[in-house]
Amino acid sequence: MTSMVRVAVAGDVTEAEEIQEILRSAGIESEIADGEDDSVSVSVPEASVEQAQDAIEAMTEPGDIVGD
C-alpha cells in the first residue's frame, strides 16, 4: 500500500474538492480527510508529492491555499 502525504489544507470541503479537481486534471489521485479546526486536508501518494505541489501552485493564486 502506498503511503499518503498531506499536500494542502483547505478551509472547507468545497475548497478541498477544488484542489482534488486540480490534481485529477494533472493525473494525480488524491484523498480528502477531516483536518484540525474544521479544516480539510488533501493527501496524495508519496511518489506524487512534488508533482502535486507543482500542479497546485500552477493552478492557484499565492495565498489561496495553505500548504504543509
Protein backbone atom coordinates (compact mmCIF):
# COMPACT_ATOMS: atom_id res chain seq x y z
CA MET A 1 0.00 0.00 0.00
CA THR A 2 1.26 3.46 -0.91
CA SER A 3 1.77 5.96 1.88
CA MET A 4 -0.33 9.12 1.55
CA VAL A 5 1.20 12.54 2.27
CA ARG A 6 -0.73 15.75 3.00
CA VAL A 7 -0.01 18.38 0.35
CA ALA A 8 -2.64 21.01 1.20
CA VAL A 9 -5.06 22.12 3.88
CA ALA A 10 -8.39 23.58 2.74
CA GLY A 11 -10.80 25.67 4.76
CA ASP A 12 -13.79 23.53 3.82
CA VAL A 13 -14.89 20.54 1.74
CA THR A 14 -15.68 22.68 -1.32
CA GLU A 15 -12.16 24.09 -1.40
CA ALA A 16 -10.70 20.61 -0.86
CA GLU A 17 -12.74 19.29 -3.78
CA GLU A 18 -11.42 22.13 -5.96
CA ILE A 19 -7.87 21.09 -5.07
CA GLN A 20 -8.79 17.48 -5.82
CA GLU A 21 -10.02 18.54 -9.27
CA ILE A 22 -6.74 20.36 -9.94
CA LEU A 23 -4.87 17.19 -9.01
CA ARG A 24 -7.19 14.98 -11.05
CA SER A 25 -6.58 17.24 -14.07
CA ALA A 26 -2.85 16.63 -13.58
CA GLY A 27 -3.41 12.87 -13.41
CA ILE A 28 -2.76 12.62 -9.67
CA GLU A 29 -5.01 10.63 -7.37
CA SER A 30 -5.85 12.24 -4.04
CA GLU A 31 -7.86 11.79 -0.89
CA ILE A 32 -9.54 14.31 1.37
CA ALA A 33 -9.96 13.91 5.12
CA ASP A 34 -11.05 15.97 8.09
CA GLY A 35 -8.19 18.02 9.46
CA GLU A 36 -7.76 20.09 12.59
CA ASP A 37 -10.04 23.02 13.47
CA ASP A 38 -12.70 22.25 10.82
CA SER A 39 -10.13 22.20 8.03
CA VAL A 40 -9.92 19.53 5.34
CA SER A 41 -6.60 18.00 4.33
CA VAL A 42 -5.75 16.82 0.83
CA SER A 43 -3.29 13.92 0.52
CA VAL A 44 -1.58 12.24 -2.42
CA PRO A 45 0.62 9.15 -2.78
CA GLU A 46 4.14 9.80 -1.51
CA ALA A 47 5.60 9.37 -5.00
CA SER A 48 3.38 12.19 -6.34
CA VAL A 49 4.05 14.86 -3.71
CA GLU A 50 6.34 17.09 -5.79
CA GLN A 51 4.16 16.82 -8.89
CA ALA A 52 1.05 17.59 -6.80
CA GLN A 53 2.64 20.65 -5.21
CA ASP A 54 3.67 21.93 -8.64
CA ALA A 55 0.13 21.39 -10.01
CA ILE A 56 -1.49 23.16 -7.05
CA GLU A 57 0.91 26.11 -7.29
CA ALA A 58 0.40 26.42 -11.04
CA MET A 59 -3.40 26.46 -10.75
CA THR A 60 -3.91 28.74 -7.73
CA GLU A 61 -3.13 32.27 -6.67
CA PRO A 62 -0.45 32.71 -3.99
CA GLY A 63 -2.04 32.70 -0.55
CA ASP A 64 -5.19 30.81 -1.62
CA ILE A 65 -4.09 27.50 -0.16
CA VAL A 66 -2.09 26.84 2.96
CA GLY A 67 0.45 24.11 2.18
CA ASP A 68 2.02 21.74 4.63
